[in-house]
C-alpha atoms as a PDB file:
ATOM      1  CA  MET A   1       0.000   0.000   0.000  1.00  0.00           C
ATOM      2  CA  SER A   2       1.423   3.313  -0.951  1.00  0.00           C
ATOM      3  CA  ARG A   3       0.945   6.299   1.246  1.00  0.00           C
ATOM      4  CA  SER A   4       1.378   9.701  -0.278  1.00  0.00           C
ATOM      5  CA  SER A   5       1.725  12.752   1.915  1.00  0.00           C
ATOM      6  CA  ALA A   6       0.487  15.073  -0.901  1.00  0.00           C
ATOM      7  CA  ARG A   7      -2.765  13.260  -1.454  1.00  0.00           C
ATOM      8  CA  GLY A   8      -5.981  15.161  -0.451  1.00  0.00           C
ATOM      9  CA  GLN A   9      -4.175  18.177   0.880  1.00  0.00           C
ATOM     10  CA  VAL A  10      -4.438  21.809  -0.153  1.00  0.00           C
ATOM     11  CA  GLU A  11      -2.165  24.670   0.659  1.00  0.00           C
ATOM     12  CA  PRO A  12      -3.629  26.759   3.524  1.00  0.00           C
ATOM     13  CA  LEU A  13      -3.485  30.025   1.556  1.00  0.00           C
ATOM     14  CA  VAL A  14      -5.386  28.519  -1.373  1.00  0.00           C
ATOM     15  CA  ALA A  15      -8.042  27.144   0.991  1.00  0.00           C
ATOM     16  CA  LEU A  16      -8.490  30.570   2.638  1.00  0.00           C
ATOM     17  CA  VAL A  17      -8.846  32.267  -0.755  1.00  0.00           C
ATOM     18  CA  ALA A  18     -11.465  29.697  -1.804  1.00  0.00           C
ATOM     19  CA  VAL A  19     -13.473  30.213   1.407  1.00  0.00           C
ATOM     20  CA  ALA A  20     -13.293  33.994   0.958  1.00  0.00           C
ATOM     21  CA  ALA A  21     -14.495  33.719  -2.664  1.00  0.00           C
ATOM     22  CA  VAL A  22     -17.459  31.525  -1.697  1.00  0.00           C
ATOM     23  CA  SER A  23     -18.356  33.859   1.185  1.00  0.00           C
ATOM     24  CA  LEU A  24     -18.233  36.903  -1.094  1.00  0.00           C
ATOM     25  CA  ALA A  25     -20.399  35.172  -3.695  1.00  0.00           C
ATOM     26  CA  LEU A  26     -23.021  34.262  -1.064  1.00  0.00           C
ATOM     27  CA  SER A  27     -23.024  37.828   0.294  1.00  0.00           C
ATOM     28  CA  LEU A  28     -23.583  39.304  -3.157  1.00  0.00           C
ATOM     29  CA  TYR A  29     -26.351  36.793  -3.902  1.00  0.00           C
ATOM     30  CA  ALA A  30     -28.142  37.576  -0.626  1.00  0.00           C
ATOM     31  CA  GLY A  31     -27.818  41.325  -1.232  1.00  0.00           C
ATOM     32  CA  VAL A  32     -29.217  41.157  -4.749  1.00  0.00           C
ATOM     33  CA  LEU A  33     -32.007  38.816  -3.673  1.00  0.00           C
ATOM     34  CA  GLY A  34     -32.921  41.142  -0.809  1.00  0.00           C
ATOM     35  CA  ASP A  35     -33.186  44.097  -3.182  1.00  0.00           C
ATOM     36  CA  ALA A  36     -35.222  42.139  -5.729  1.00  0.00           C
ATOM     37  CA  LEU A  37     -37.904  40.938  -3.306  1.00  0.00           C
ATOM     38  CA  PRO A  38     -40.416  43.384  -1.807  1.00  0.00           C
ATOM     39  CA  SER A  39     -39.780  44.162   1.817  1.00  0.00           C
ATOM     40  CA  GLN A  40     -42.244  43.360   4.584  1.00  0.00           C
ATOM     41  CA  ARG A  41     -43.023  47.081   4.900  1.00  0.00           C
ATOM     42  CA  ASP A  42     -43.929  47.333   1.196  1.00  0.00           C
ATOM     43  CA  ARG A  43     -46.295  44.368   1.489  1.00  0.00           C
ATOM     44  CA  GLU A  44     -48.045  45.833   4.532  1.00  0.00           C
ATOM     45  CA  LEU A  45     -48.186  49.402   3.222  1.00  0.00           C
ATOM     46  CA  PRO A  46     -51.601  49.207   1.442  1.00  0.00           C
ATOM     47  CA  GLU A  47     -53.306  47.712   4.513  1.00  0.00           C
ATOM     48  CA  THR A  48     -51.712  50.262   6.836  1.00  0.00           C
ATOM     49  CA  THR A  49     -52.725  53.098   4.507  1.00  0.00           C
ATOM     50  CA  LEU A  50     -56.269  51.717   4.285  1.00  0.00           C
ATOM     51  CA  ALA A  51     -56.560  51.802   8.086  1.00  0.00           C
ATOM     52  CA  ALA A  52     -55.271  55.404   8.224  1.00  0.00           C
ATOM     53  CA  VAL A  53     -57.616  56.544   5.438  1.00  0.00           C
ATOM     54  CA  ASP A  54     -60.570  54.759   7.070  1.00  0.00           C
ATOM     55  CA  ASP A  55     -59.842  56.544  10.355  1.00  0.00           C
ATOM     56  CA  HIS A  56     -59.759  59.864   8.488  1.00  0.00           C
ATOM     57  CA  LEU A  57     -62.932  59.271   6.446  1.00  0.00           C
ATOM     58  CA  ALA A  58     -65.039  57.628   9.116  1.00  0.00           C
ATOM     59  CA  PRO A  59     -64.242  58.998  12.570  1.00  0.00           C
ATOM     60  CA  ALA A  60     -67.736  57.963  13.751  1.00  0.00           C
ATOM     61  CA  GLY A  61     -67.827  54.668  11.798  1.00  0.00           C
ATOM     62  CA  VAL A  62     -69.622  56.012   8.709  1.00  0.00           C
ATOM     63  CA  VAL A  63     -67.643  57.277   5.703  1.00  0.00           C
ATOM     64  CA  GLU A  64     -68.283  60.887   4.754  1.00  0.00           C
ATOM     65  CA  PRO A  65     -67.749  61.175   0.957  1.00  0.00           C
ATOM     66  CA  ARG A  66     -67.069  64.929   1.207  1.00  0.00           C
ATOM     67  CA  ARG A  67     -63.868  64.074   3.117  1.00  0.00           C
ATOM     68  CA  VAL A  68     -62.390  61.890   0.343  1.00  0.00           C
ATOM     69  CA  SER A  69     -60.310  64.705  -1.154  1.00  0.00           C
ATOM     70  CA  ASP A  70     -58.571  65.258   2.202  1.00  0.00           C
ATOM     71  CA  ALA A  71     -58.029  61.536   2.795  1.00  0.00           C
ATOM     72  CA  VAL A  72     -55.128  61.418   0.317  1.00  0.00           C
ATOM     73  CA  ASP A  73     -53.067  63.253   2.959  1.00  0.00           C
ATOM     74  CA  ALA A  74     -53.474  60.247   5.279  1.00  0.00           C
ATOM     75  CA  GLY A  75     -51.213  58.240   2.941  1.00  0.00           C
ATOM     76  CA  PRO A  76     -47.536  57.675   3.768  1.00  0.00           C
ATOM     77  CA  SER A  77     -45.021  60.387   2.935  1.00  0.00           C
ATOM     78  CA  GLY A  78     -42.892  59.661  -0.111  1.00  0.00           C
ATOM     79  CA  TYR A  79     -45.683  57.657  -1.758  1.00  0.00           C
ATOM     80  CA  HIS A  80     -48.578  58.536  -4.057  1.00  0.00           C
ATOM     81  CA  THR A  81     -52.034  57.606  -2.783  1.00  0.00           C
ATOM     82  CA  ASN A  82     -55.346  57.174  -4.572  1.00  0.00           C
ATOM     83  CA  VAL A  83     -58.537  56.878  -2.509  1.00  0.00           C
ATOM     84  CA  SER A  84     -61.918  55.843  -3.861  1.00  0.00           C
ATOM     85  CA  VAL A  85     -65.264  55.176  -2.231  1.00  0.00           C
ATOM     86  CA  THR A  86     -68.164  53.532  -4.063  1.00  0.00           C
ATOM     87  CA  ALA A  87     -71.728  53.204  -2.801  1.00  0.00           C
ATOM     88  CA  ASP A  88     -75.245  53.327  -4.194  1.00  0.00           C
ATOM     89  CA  GLY A  89     -73.936  53.297  -7.783  1.00  0.00           C
ATOM     90  CA  ARG A  90     -71.814  56.425  -7.201  1.00  0.00           C
ATOM     91  CA  GLN A  91     -68.089  56.889  -6.805  1.00  0.00           C
ATOM     92  CA  TRP A  92     -65.961  59.498  -5.027  1.00  0.00           C
ATOM     93  CA  GLN A  93     -62.268  59.519  -5.851  1.00  0.00           C
ATOM     94  CA  ALA A  94     -59.193  61.584  -4.975  1.00  0.00           C
ATOM     95  CA  GLY A  95     -55.516  61.426  -5.849  1.00  0.00           C
ATOM     96  CA  PRO A  96     -53.608  60.644  -9.030  1.00  0.00           C
ATOM     97  CA  VAL A  97     -54.567  57.683 -11.207  1.00  0.00           C
ATOM     98  CA  ALA A  98     -52.898  54.549  -9.863  1.00  0.00           C
ATOM     99  CA  PRO A  99     -50.593  52.507 -12.127  1.00  0.00           C
ATOM    100  CA  ASP A 100     -51.257  48.798 -12.637  1.00  0.00           C
ATOM    101  CA  ASP A 101     -48.438  47.751 -10.278  1.00  0.00           C
ATOM    102  CA  ALA A 102     -49.647  49.861  -7.321  1.00  0.00           C
ATOM    103  CA  GLY A 103     -50.308  48.086  -4.041  1.00  0.00           C
ATOM    104  CA  THR A 104     -54.035  48.056  -3.267  1.00  0.00           C
ATOM    105  CA  ALA A 105     -56.302  47.249  -0.352  1.00  0.00           C
ATOM    106  CA  SER A 106     -60.044  47.564   0.093  1.00  0.00           C
ATOM    107  CA  GLU A 107     -62.771  46.929   2.631  1.00  0.00           C
ATOM    108  CA  ARG A 108     -66.526  47.179   2.973  1.00  0.00           C
ATOM    109  CA  VAL A 109     -67.687  50.322   4.767  1.00  0.00           C
ATOM    110  CA  SER A 110     -70.855  52.206   5.586  1.00  0.00           C
ATOM    111  CA  VAL A 111     -71.220  55.367   3.486  1.00  0.00           C
ATOM    112  CA  ARG A 112     -73.471  58.361   4.114  1.00  0.00           C
ATOM    113  CA  THR A 113     -74.886  58.898   0.610  1.00  0.00           C
ATOM    114  CA  ARG A 114     -77.366  61.626   1.631  1.00  0.00           C
ATOM    115  CA  PRO A 115     -78.593  63.124   4.903  1.00  0.00           C
ATOM    116  CA  ALA A 116     -79.958  60.473   7.251  1.00  0.00           C
ATOM    117  CA  HIS A 117     -79.236  57.664   4.727  1.00  0.00           C
ATOM    118  CA  VAL A 118     -76.376  55.159   4.968  1.00  0.00           C
ATOM    119  CA  ASP A 119     -75.558  52.570   2.292  1.00  0.00           C
ATOM    120  CA  ALA A 120     -73.059  49.717   2.137  1.00  0.00           C
ATOM    121  CA  GLY A 121     -70.026  50.649   0.082  1.00  0.00           C
ATOM    122  CA  ARG A 122     -66.373  49.903  -0.589  1.00  0.00           C
ATOM    123  CA  LEU A 123     -63.308  51.918   0.362  1.00  0.00           C
ATOM    124  CA  ARG A 124     -60.252  51.259  -1.824  1.00  0.00           C
ATOM    125  CA  VAL A 125     -56.744  52.696  -1.578  1.00  0.00           C
ATOM    126  CA  ALA A 126     -53.817  52.345  -3.971  1.00  0.00           C
ATOM    127  CA  VAL A 127     -50.265  53.197  -2.904  1.00  0.00           C
ATOM    128  CA  TRP A 128     -47.116  53.454  -5.029  1.00  0.00           C
ATOM    129  CA  ARG A 129     -43.816  55.323  -5.262  1.00  0.00           C
END
């Protein structure tokens, strides 16, 4: 049986360089992947904005359509916000037109469509950069 002292061995410097190269490659991959995927905050942003807009539009639990134009200000800073309320075949909308890739959220709400009359409706918000 022959025993070779060079078999299966690598110079320590070469091994360290290989480990450093693999570590760098994994770091770059993780960084690029992290930038490519939406963050948790971006996924929750439409729902958070919907809650803020709902609080602004319906302080007493019933949406006031006349307040829709001011509700855009309840959106997050640095983002564009579109707010729309539909009820009784009518629609109230404020904010710029949302692009197709905007994050959206909606919920059923009670809407005061005329004095002393409340109808079921839908509040929808769209948020984008």
